[in-house]
């Protein structure tokens, strides 16, 4: 009797819906790949800019360091008294 009560309603999902779903999945995968490649290109661009900024900063620091060394070699007395003055002022600031 159980077999007599069962009726055949056909497939649970119509073929058109399955095709549209497959097309949608393909479209989403393609969009995800395009988004990933665009994000990678943007990341590479920003990485290049960051490297340029870092190189520029390192060059400036090295230049400042070289200039400082040259100044101390030419004016050792001024450099010592300047360092003592800066140390004294910092000690007054941090003491409070």
PDB file of N, CA and C in Angstrom:
ATOM      1  N   UNK A   1       0.788  -1.179   0.000  1.00  0.00           N
ATOM      2  CA  UNK A   1       0.000   0.000   0.000  1.00  0.00           C
ATOM      3  C   UNK A   1       0.835   1.250   0.000  1.00  0.00           C
ATOM      4  N   UNK A   2       1.977   1.179   0.597  1.00  0.00           N
ATOM      5  CA  UNK A   2       2.825   2.352   0.630  1.00  0.00           C
ATOM      6  C   UNK A   2       3.230   2.752  -0.773  1.00  0.00           C
ATOM      7  N   UNK A   3       3.368   1.767  -1.611  1.00  0.00           N
ATOM      8  CA  UNK A   3       3.749   2.080  -2.977  1.00  0.00           C
ATOM      9  C   UNK A   3       2.594   2.692  -3.747  1.00  0.00           C
ATOM     10  N   UNK A   4       1.395   2.360  -3.428  1.00  0.00           N
ATOM     11  CA  UNK A   4       0.237   2.893  -4.121  1.00  0.00           C
ATOM     12  C   UNK A   4       0.015   4.355  -3.774  1.00  0.00           C
ATOM     13  N   UNK A   5       0.381   4.791  -2.543  1.00  0.00           N
ATOM     14  CA  UNK A   5       0.171   6.165  -2.109  1.00  0.00           C
ATOM     15  C   UNK A   5       1.249   7.108  -2.640  1.00  0.00           C
ATOM     16  N   UNK A   6       2.387   6.580  -3.027  1.00  0.00           N
ATOM     17  CA  UNK A   6       3.460   7.431  -3.558  1.00  0.00           C
ATOM     18  C   UNK A   6       3.111   7.849  -4.978  1.00  0.00           C
ATOM     19  N   UNK A   7       3.252   9.125  -5.223  1.00  0.00           N
ATOM     20  CA  UNK A   7       3.043   9.610  -6.580  1.00  0.00           C
ATOM     21  C   UNK A   7       4.334  10.211  -7.077  1.00  0.00           C
ATOM     22  N   UNK A   8       4.522  10.173  -8.343  1.00  0.00           N
ATOM     23  CA  UNK A   8       5.749  10.703  -8.941  1.00  0.00           C
ATOM     24  C   UNK A   8       5.536  12.173  -9.282  1.00  0.00           C
ATOM     25  N   UNK A   9       6.220  13.024  -8.527  1.00  0.00           N
ATOM     26  CA  UNK A   9       6.103  14.465  -8.768  1.00  0.00           C
ATOM     27  C   UNK A   9       7.196  14.988  -9.691  1.00  0.00           C
ATOM     28  N   UNK A  10       8.084  14.176 -10.106  1.00  0.00           N
ATOM     29  CA  UNK A  10       9.158  14.602 -10.985  1.00  0.00           C
ATOM     30  C   UNK A  10      10.380  15.024 -10.177  1.00  0.00           C
ATOM     31  N   UNK A  11      11.370  15.608 -10.828  1.00  0.00           N
ATOM     32  CA  UNK A  11      12.574  16.002 -10.101  1.00  0.00           C
ATOM     33  C   UNK A  11      12.270  17.118  -9.115  1.00  0.00           C
ATOM     34  N   UNK A  12      13.011  17.106  -8.003  1.00  0.00           N
ATOM     35  CA  UNK A  12      12.796  18.112  -6.960  1.00  0.00           C
ATOM     36  C   UNK A  12      13.178  19.500  -7.461  1.00  0.00           C
ATOM     37  N   UNK A  13      14.172  19.605  -8.324  1.00  0.00           N
ATOM     38  CA  UNK A  13      14.635  20.888  -8.860  1.00  0.00           C
ATOM     39  C   UNK A  13      14.445  20.869 -10.372  1.00  0.00           C
ATOM     40  N   UNK A  14      13.780  21.858 -10.918  1.00  0.00           N
ATOM     41  CA  UNK A  14      13.609  21.874 -12.371  1.00  0.00           C
ATOM     42  C   UNK A  14      14.949  22.034 -13.082  1.00  0.00           C
ATOM     43  N   UNK A  15      15.087  21.495 -14.278  1.00  0.00           N
ATOM     44  CA  UNK A  15      16.361  21.582 -15.009  1.00  0.00           C
ATOM     45  C   UNK A  15      16.799  23.021 -15.259  1.00  0.00           C
ATOM     46  N   UNK A  16      15.866  23.937 -15.474  1.00  0.00           N
ATOM     47  CA  UNK A  16      16.237  25.331 -15.716  1.00  0.00           C
ATOM     48  C   UNK A  16      16.890  25.936 -14.476  1.00  0.00           C
ATOM     49  N   UNK A  17      16.369  25.584 -13.301  1.00  0.00           N
ATOM     50  CA  UNK A  17      16.938  26.120 -12.064  1.00  0.00           C
ATOM     51  C   UNK A  17      18.344  25.584 -11.851  1.00  0.00           C
ATOM     52  N   UNK A  18      18.563  24.324 -12.163  1.00  0.00           N
ATOM     53  CA  UNK A  18      19.897  23.743 -12.020  1.00  0.00           C
ATOM     54  C   UNK A  18      20.887  24.429 -12.955  1.00  0.00           C
ATOM     55  N   UNK A  19      20.452  24.705 -14.192  1.00  0.00           N
ATOM     56  CA  UNK A  19      21.325  25.381 -15.143  1.00  0.00           C
ATOM     57  C   UNK A  19      21.640  26.805 -14.686  1.00  0.00           C
ATOM     58  N   UNK A  20      20.637  27.515 -14.189  1.00  0.00           N
ATOM     59  CA  UNK A  20      20.860  28.875 -13.706  1.00  0.00           C
ATOM     60  C   UNK A  20      21.783  28.875 -12.491  1.00  0.00           C
ATOM     61  N   UNK A  21      21.628  27.889 -11.639  1.00  0.00           N
ATOM     62  CA  UNK A  21      22.503  27.783 -10.471  1.00  0.00           C
ATOM     63  C   UNK A  21      23.937  27.545 -10.899  1.00  0.00           C
ATOM     64  N   UNK A  22      24.128  26.634 -11.843  1.00  0.00           N
ATOM     65  CA  UNK A  22      25.483  26.357 -12.340  1.00  0.00           C
ATOM     66  C   UNK A  22      26.083  27.596 -12.989  1.00  0.00           C
ATOM     67  N   UNK A  23      25.278  28.316 -13.760  1.00  0.00           N
ATOM     68  CA  UNK A  23      25.748  29.555 -14.392  1.00  0.00           C
ATOM     69  C   UNK A  23      26.124  30.585 -13.319  1.00  0.00           C
ATOM     70  N   UNK A  24      25.315  30.676 -12.264  1.00  0.00           N
ATOM     71  CA  UNK A  24      25.600  31.615 -11.176  1.00  0.00           C
ATOM     72  C   UNK A  24      26.885  31.268 -10.452  1.00  0.00           C
ATOM     73  N   UNK A  25      27.094  29.980 -10.211  1.00  0.00           N
ATOM     74  CA  UNK A  25      28.324  29.532  -9.539  1.00  0.00           C
ATOM     75  C   UNK A  25      29.537  29.866 -10.395  1.00  0.00           C
ATOM     76  N   UNK A  26      29.438  29.629 -11.685  1.00  0.00           N
ATOM     77  CA  UNK A  26      30.538  29.951 -12.603  1.00  0.00           C
ATOM     78  C   UNK A  26      30.817  31.452 -12.594  1.00  0.00           C
ATOM     79  N   UNK A  27      29.766  32.231 -12.620  1.00  0.00           N
ATOM     80  CA  UNK A  27      29.915  33.694 -12.607  1.00  0.00           C
ATOM     81  C   UNK A  27      30.577  34.170 -11.312  1.00  0.00           C
ATOM     82  N   UNK A  28      30.174  33.613 -10.195  1.00  0.00           N
ATOM     83  CA  UNK A  28      30.747  34.002  -8.903  1.00  0.00           C
ATOM     84  C   UNK A  28      32.220  33.611  -8.837  1.00  0.00           C
ATOM     85  N   UNK A  29      32.563  32.445  -9.317  1.00  0.00           N
ATOM     86  CA  UNK A  29      33.975  32.015  -9.311  1.00  0.00           C
ATOM     87  C   UNK A  29      34.836  32.942 -10.171  1.00  0.00           C
ATOM     88  N   UNK A  30      34.308  33.302 -11.344  1.00  0.00           N
ATOM     89  CA  UNK A  30      35.049  34.199 -12.232  1.00  0.00           C
ATOM     90  C   UNK A  30      35.233  35.564 -11.571  1.00  0.00           C
ATOM     91  N   UNK A  31      34.178  36.074 -10.932  1.00  0.00           N
ATOM     92  CA  UNK A  31      34.272  37.369 -10.247  1.00  0.00           C
ATOM     93  C   UNK A  31      35.261  37.307  -9.097  1.00  0.00           C
ATOM     94  N   UNK A  32      35.288  36.199  -8.371  1.00  0.00           N
ATOM     95  CA  UNK A  32      36.227  36.048  -7.259  1.00  0.00           C
ATOM     96  C   UNK A  32      37.668  36.026  -7.764  1.00  0.00           C
ATOM     97  N   UNK A  33      37.894  35.351  -8.884  1.00  0.00           N
ATOM     98  CA  UNK A  33      39.245  35.321  -9.458  1.00  0.00           C
ATOM     99  C   UNK A  33      39.687  36.714  -9.905  1.00  0.00           C
ATOM    100  N   UNK A  34      38.772  37.456 -10.530  1.00  0.00           N
ATOM    101  CA  UNK A  34      39.095  38.818 -10.971  1.00  0.00           C
ATOM    102  C   UNK A  34      39.369  39.718  -9.773  1.00  0.00           C
ATOM    103  N   UNK A  35      38.564  39.572  -8.732  1.00  0.00           N
ATOM    104  CA  UNK A  35      38.769  40.375  -7.522  1.00  0.00           C
ATOM    105  C   UNK A  35      40.110  40.043  -6.889  1.00  0.00           C
ATOM    106  N   UNK A  36      40.449  38.762  -6.851  1.00  0.00           N
ATOM    107  CA  UNK A  36      41.731  38.350  -6.276  1.00  0.00           C
ATOM    108  C   UNK A  36      42.905  38.912  -7.051  1.00  0.00           C
ATOM    109  N   UNK A  37      42.820  38.890  -8.372  1.00  0.00           N
ATOM    110  CA  UNK A  37      43.929  39.424  -9.170  1.00  0.00           C
ATOM    111  C   UNK A  37      44.029  40.940  -9.020  1.00  0.00           C
ATOM    112  N   UNK A  38      42.880  41.626  -8.933  1.00  0.00           N
ATOM    113  CA  UNK A  38      42.906  43.082  -8.733  1.00  0.00           C
ATOM    114  C   UNK A  38      43.471  43.424  -7.366  1.00  0.00           C
ATOM    115  N   UNK A  39      43.101  42.659  -6.354  1.00  0.00           N
ATOM    116  CA  UNK A  39      43.629  42.903  -5.008  1.00  0.00           C
ATOM    117  C   UNK A  39      45.136  42.646  -4.970  1.00  0.00           C
ATOM    118  N   UNK A  40      45.580  41.624  -5.667  1.00  0.00           N
ATOM    119  CA  UNK A  40      47.013  41.334  -5.721  1.00  0.00           C
ATOM    120  C   UNK A  40      47.783  42.449  -6.407  1.00  0.00           C
ATOM    121  N   UNK A  41      47.218  42.986  -7.478  1.00  0.00           N
ATOM    122  CA  UNK A  41      47.877  44.087  -8.188  1.00  0.00           C
ATOM    123  C   UNK A  41      47.946  45.325  -7.307  1.00  0.00           C
ATOM    124  N   UNK A  42      46.875  45.621  -6.589  1.00  0.00           N
ATOM    125  CA  UNK A  42      46.878  46.783  -5.689  1.00  0.00           C
ATOM    126  C   UNK A  42      47.885  46.580  -4.560  1.00  0.00           C
ATOM    127  N   UNK A  43      47.960  45.377  -4.032  1.00  0.00           N
ATOM    128  CA  UNK A  43      48.914  45.085  -2.958  1.00  0.00           C
ATOM    129  C   UNK A  43      50.348  45.256  -3.457  1.00  0.00           C
ATOM    130  N   UNK A  44      50.617  44.793  -4.666  1.00  0.00           N
ATOM    131  CA  UNK A  44      51.962  44.945  -5.245  1.00  0.00           C
ATOM    132  C   UNK A  44      52.309  46.420  -5.431  1.00  0.00           C
ATOM    133  N   UNK A  45      51.326  47.213  -5.880  1.00  0.00           N
ATOM    134  CA  UNK A  45      51.567  48.640  -6.073  1.00  0.00           C
ATOM    135  C   UNK A  45      51.896  49.325  -4.746  1.00  0.00           C
ATOM    136  N   UNK A  46      51.111  49.035  -3.724  1.00  0.00           N
ATOM    137  CA  UNK A  46      51.360  49.651  -2.417  1.00  0.00           C
ATOM    138  C   UNK A  46      52.664  49.152  -1.803  1.00  0.00           C
ATOM    139  N   UNK A  47      53.018  47.914  -2.062  1.00  0.00           N
ATOM    140  CA  UNK A  47      54.282  47.382  -1.556  1.00  0.00           C
ATOM    141  C   UNK A  47      55.450  48.116  -2.212  1.00  0.00           C
ATOM    142  N   UNK A  48      55.340  48.393  -3.500  1.00  0.00           N
ATOM    143  CA  UNK A  48      56.384  49.148  -4.195  1.00  0.00           C
ATOM    144  C   UNK A  48      56.516  50.556  -3.643  1.00  0.00           C
ATOM    145  N   UNK A  49      55.376  51.198  -3.383  1.00  0.00           N
ATOM    146  CA  UNK A  49      55.418  52.543  -2.802  1.00  0.00           C
ATOM    147  C   UNK A  49      56.047  52.517  -1.416  1.00  0.00           C
ATOM    148  N   UNK A  50      55.679  51.525  -0.613  1.00  0.00           N
ATOM    149  CA  UNK A  50      56.215  51.422   0.744  1.00  0.00           C
ATOM    150  C   UNK A  50      57.731  51.209   0.714  1.00  0.00           C
ATOM    151  N   UNK A  51      58.190  50.397  -0.210  1.00  0.00           N
ATOM    152  CA  UNK A  51      59.635  50.171  -0.327  1.00  0.00           C
ATOM    153  C   UNK A  51      60.352  51.456  -0.705  1.00  0.00           C
ATOM    154  N   UNK A  52      59.744  52.240  -1.606  1.00  0.00           N
ATOM    155  CA  UNK A  52      60.345  53.525  -1.994  1.00  0.00           C
ATOM    156  C   UNK A  52      60.421  54.491  -0.822  1.00  0.00           C
ATOM    157  N   UNK A  53      59.358  54.556  -0.034  1.00  0.00           N
ATOM    158  CA  UNK A  53      59.344  55.443   1.140  1.00  0.00           C
ATOM    159  C   UNK A  53      60.377  54.979   2.159  1.00  0.00           C
ATOM    160  N   UNK A  54      60.472  53.666   2.375  1.00  0.00           N
ATOM    161  CA  UNK A  54      61.452  53.133   3.319  1.00  0.00           C
ATOM    162  C   UNK A  54      62.875  53.432   2.863  1.00  0.00           C
ATOM    163  N   UNK A  55      63.151  53.234   1.586  1.00  0.00           N
ATOM    164  CA  UNK A  55      64.485  53.533   1.063  1.00  0.00           C
ATOM    165  C   UNK A  55      64.832  55.012   1.233  1.00  0.00           C
ATOM    166  N   UNK A  56      63.865  55.885   0.975  1.00  0.00           N
ATOM    167  CA  UNK A  56      64.082  57.320   1.140  1.00  0.00           C
ATOM    168  C   UNK A  56      64.352  57.663   2.599  1.00  0.00           C
ATOM    169  N   UNK A  57      63.588  57.083   3.511  1.00  0.00           N
ATOM    170  CA  UNK A  57      63.782  57.348   4.939  1.00  0.00           C
ATOM    171  C   UNK A  57      65.155  56.853   5.402  1.00  0.00           C
ATOM    172  N   UNK A  58      65.535  55.670   4.962  1.00  0.00           N
ATOM    173  CA  UNK A  58      66.853  55.145   5.343  1.00  0.00           C
ATOM    174  C   UNK A  58      67.974  56.030   4.802  1.00  0.00           C
ATOM    175  N   UNK A  59      67.815  56.529   3.593  1.00  0.00           N
ATOM    176  CA  UNK A  59      68.826  57.424   3.010  1.00  0.00           C
ATOM    177  C   UNK A  59      68.944  58.701   3.833  1.00  0.00           C
ATOM    178  N   UNK A  60      67.807  59.267   4.244  1.00  0.00           N
ATOM    179  CA  UNK A  60      67.831  60.497   5.046  1.00  0.00           C
ATOM    180  C   UNK A  60      68.469  60.266   6.413  1.00  0.00           C
ATOM    181  N   UNK A  61      68.149  59.136   7.025  1.00  0.00           N
ATOM    182  CA  UNK A  61      68.737  58.829   8.339  1.00  0.00           C
ATOM    183  C   UNK A  61      70.243  58.654   8.219  1.00  0.00           C
ATOM    184  N   UNK A  62      70.690  57.961   7.208  1.00  0.00           N
ATOM    185  CA  UNK A  62      72.138  57.767   7.026  1.00  0.00           C
ATOM    186  C   UNK A  62      72.833  59.095   6.748  1.00  0.00           C
ATOM    187  N   UNK A  63      72.183  59.940   5.953  1.00  0.00           N
ATOM    188  CA  UNK A  63      72.750  61.250   5.663  1.00  0.00           C
ATOM    189  C   UNK A  63      72.850  62.089   6.939  1.00  0.00           C
ATOM    190  N   UNK A  64      71.791  62.078   7.749  1.00  0.00           N
ATOM    191  CA  UNK A  64      71.804  62.815   9.016  1.00  0.00           C
ATOM    192  C   UNK A  64      72.880  62.262   9.941  1.00  0.00           C
ATOM    193  N   UNK A  65      73.023  60.953   9.980  1.00  0.00           N
ATOM    194  CA  UNK A  65      74.047  60.331  10.827  1.00  0.00           C
ATOM    195  C   UNK A  65      75.447  60.740  10.361  1.00  0.00           C
ATOM    196  N   UNK A  66      75.683  60.711   9.075  1.00  0.00           N
ATOM    197  CA  UNK A  66      76.994  61.111   8.550  1.00  0.00           C
ATOM    198  C   UNK A  66      77.280  62.589   8.840  1.00  0.00           C
ATOM    199  N   UNK A  67      76.262  63.444   8.658  1.00  0.00           N
ATOM    200  CA  UNK A  67      76.437  64.871   8.949  1.00  0.00           C
ATOM    201  C   UNK A  67      76.726  65.099  10.430  1.00  0.00           C
ATOM    202  N   UNK A  68      76.057  64.328  11.290  1.00  0.00           N
ATOM    203  CA  UNK A  68      76.274  64.463  12.731  1.00  0.00           C
ATOM    204  C   UNK A  68      77.697  64.058  13.104  1.00  0.00           C
ATOM    205  N   UNK A  69      78.144  62.961  12.559  1.00  0.00           N
ATOM    206  CA  UNK A  69      79.515  62.513  12.841  1.00  0.00           C
ATOM    207  C   UNK A  69      80.531  63.558  12.387  1.00  0.00           C
ATOM    208  N   UNK A  70      80.295  64.115  11.202  1.00  0.00           N
ATOM    209  CA  UNK A  70      81.210  65.137  10.674  1.00  0.00           C
ATOM    210  C   UNK A  70      81.213  66.373  11.579  1.00  0.00           C
ATOM    211  N   UNK A  71      80.046  66.796  12.043  1.00  0.00           N
ATOM    212  CA  UNK A  71      79.946  67.967  12.924  1.00  0.00           C
ATOM    213  C   UNK A  71      80.686  67.716  14.238  1.00  0.00           C
ATOM    214  N   UNK A  72      80.527  66.530  14.812  1.00  0.00           N
ATOM    215  CA  UNK A  72      81.196  66.213  16.079  1.00  0.00           C
ATOM    216  C   UNK A  72      82.708  66.185  15.883  1.00  0.00           C
ATOM    217  N   UNK A  73      83.177  65.683  14.765  1.00  0.00           N
ATOM    218  CA  UNK A  73      84.617  65.655  14.512  1.00  0.00           C
ATOM    219  C   UNK A  73      85.182  67.069  14.349  1.00  0.00           C
ATOM    220  N   UNK A  74      84.395  67.954  13.741  1.00  0.00           N
ATOM    221  CA  UNK A  74      84.867  69.326  13.528  1.00  0.00           C
ATOM    222  C   UNK A  74      84.719  70.193  14.780  1.00  0.00           C
ATOM    223  N   UNK A  75      83.712  69.908  15.610  1.00  0.00           N
ATOM    224  CA  UNK A  75      83.427  70.724  16.791  1.00  0.00           C
ATOM    225  C   UNK A  75      83.211  69.839  18.025  1.00  0.00           C
ATOM    226  N   UNK A  76      84.259  69.201  18.527  1.00  0.00           N
ATOM    227  CA  UNK A  76      84.060  68.282  19.651  1.00  0.00           C
ATOM    228  C   UNK A  76      83.608  68.993  20.936  1.00  0.00           C
ATOM    229  N   UNK A  77      84.092  70.180  21.181  1.00  0.00           N
ATOM    230  CA  UNK A  77      83.735  70.890  22.409  1.00  0.00           C
ATOM    231  C   UNK A  77      82.258  71.281  22.381  1.00  0.00           C
ATOM    232  N   UNK A  78      81.814  71.843  21.289  1.00  0.00           N
ATOM    233  CA  UNK A  78      80.403  72.207  21.168  1.00  0.00           C
ATOM    234  C   UNK A  78      79.509  70.979  21.311  1.00  0.00           C
ATOM    235  N   UNK A  79      79.915  69.868  20.724  1.00  0.00           N
ATOM    236  CA  UNK A  79      79.117  68.643  20.776  1.00  0.00           C
ATOM    237  C   UNK A  79      78.991  68.137  22.212  1.00  0.00           C
ATOM    238  N   UNK A  80      80.079  68.184  22.955  1.00  0.00           N
ATOM    239  CA  UNK A  80      80.041  67.711  24.348  1.00  0.00           C
ATOM    240  C   UNK A  80      79.140  68.609  25.183  1.00  0.00           C
ATOM    241  N   UNK A  81      79.304  69.932  25.065  1.00  0.00           N
ATOM    242  CA  UNK A  81      78.472  70.836  25.859  1.00  0.00           C
ATOM    243  C   UNK A  81      76.996  70.765  25.437  1.00  0.00           C
ATOM    244  N   UNK A  82      76.746  70.566  24.172  1.00  0.00           N
ATOM    245  CA  UNK A  82      75.364  70.401  23.713  1.00  0.00           C
ATOM    246  C   UNK A  82      74.756  69.133  24.309  1.00  0.00           C
ATOM    247  N   UNK A  83      75.503  68.055  24.309  1.00  0.00           N
ATOM    248  CA  UNK A  83      75.012  66.799  24.889  1.00  0.00           C
ATOM    249  C   UNK A  83      74.764  66.955  26.383  1.00  0.00           C
ATOM    250  N   UNK A  84      75.664  67.668  27.089  1.00  0.00           N
ATOM    251  CA  UNK A  84      75.454  67.902  28.522  1.00  0.00           C
ATOM    252  C   UNK A  84      74.196  68.736  28.759  1.00  0.00           C
ATOM    253  N   UNK A  85      73.994  69.746  27.955  1.00  0.00           N
ATOM    254  CA  UNK A  85      72.807  70.596  28.103  1.00  0.00           C
ATOM    255  C   UNK A  85      71.518  69.824  27.841  1.00  0.00           C
ATOM    256  N   UNK A  86      71.510  69.042  26.808  1.00  0.00           N
ATOM    257  CA  UNK A  86      70.323  68.246  26.490  1.00  0.00           C
ATOM    258  C   UNK A  86      70.064  67.231  27.601  1.00  0.00           C
ATOM    259  N   UNK A  87      71.092  66.614  28.104  1.00  0.00           N
ATOM    260  CA  UNK A  87      70.940  65.662  29.206  1.00  0.00           C
ATOM    261  C   UNK A  87      70.403  66.333  30.457  1.00  0.00           C
ATOM    262  N   UNK A  88      70.905  67.538  30.754  1.00  0.00           N
ATOM    263  CA  UNK A  88      70.426  68.263  31.936  1.00  0.00           C
ATOM    264  C   UNK A  88      68.940  68.606  31.799  1.00  0.00           C
ATOM    265  N   UNK A  89      68.547  69.112  30.643  1.00  0.00           N
ATOM    266  CA  UNK A  89      67.134  69.469  30.415  1.00  0.00           C
ATOM    267  C   UNK A  89      66.249  68.228  30.496  1.00  0.00           C
ATOM    268  N   UNK A  90      66.682  67.128  29.909  1.00  0.00           N
ATOM    269  CA  UNK A  90      65.884  65.889  29.973  1.00  0.00           C
ATOM    270  C   UNK A  90      65.767  65.381  31.403  1.00  0.00           C
ATOM    271  N   UNK A  91      66.859  65.520  32.181  1.00  0.00           N
ATOM    272  CA  UNK A  91      66.791  65.057  33.582  1.00  0.00           C
ATOM    273  C   UNK A  91      65.802  65.910  34.374  1.00  0.00           C
ATOM    274  N   UNK A  92      65.736  67.220  34.096  1.00  0.00           N
ATOM    275  CA  UNK A  92      64.755  68.072  34.777  1.00  0.00           C
ATOM    276  C   UNK A  92      63.326  67.691  34.380  1.00  0.00           C
ATOM    277  N   UNK A  93      63.121  67.379  33.120  1.00  0.00           N
ATOM    278  CA  UNK A  93      61.785  67.018  32.638  1.00  0.00           C
ATOM    279  C   UNK A  93      61.329  65.686  33.253  1.00  0.00           C
ATOM    280  N   UNK A  94      62.193  64.693  33.264  1.00  0.00           N
ATOM    281  CA  UNK A  94      61.791  63.365  33.743  1.00  0.00           C
ATOM    282  C   UNK A  94      61.772  63.269  35.274  1.00  0.00           C
ATOM    283  N   UNK A  95      62.412  64.200  35.948  1.00  0.00           N
ATOM    284  CA  UNK A  95      62.417  64.193  37.416  1.00  0.00           C
ATOM    285  C   UNK A  95      61.042  64.549  37.953  1.00  0.00           C
ATOM    286  N   UNK A  96      60.284  65.359  37.232  1.00  0.00           N
ATOM    287  CA  UNK A  96      58.965  65.814  37.725  1.00  0.00           C
ATOM    288  C   UNK A  96      57.910  64.820  37.483  1.00  0.00           C
TER     289      UNK A  96
END
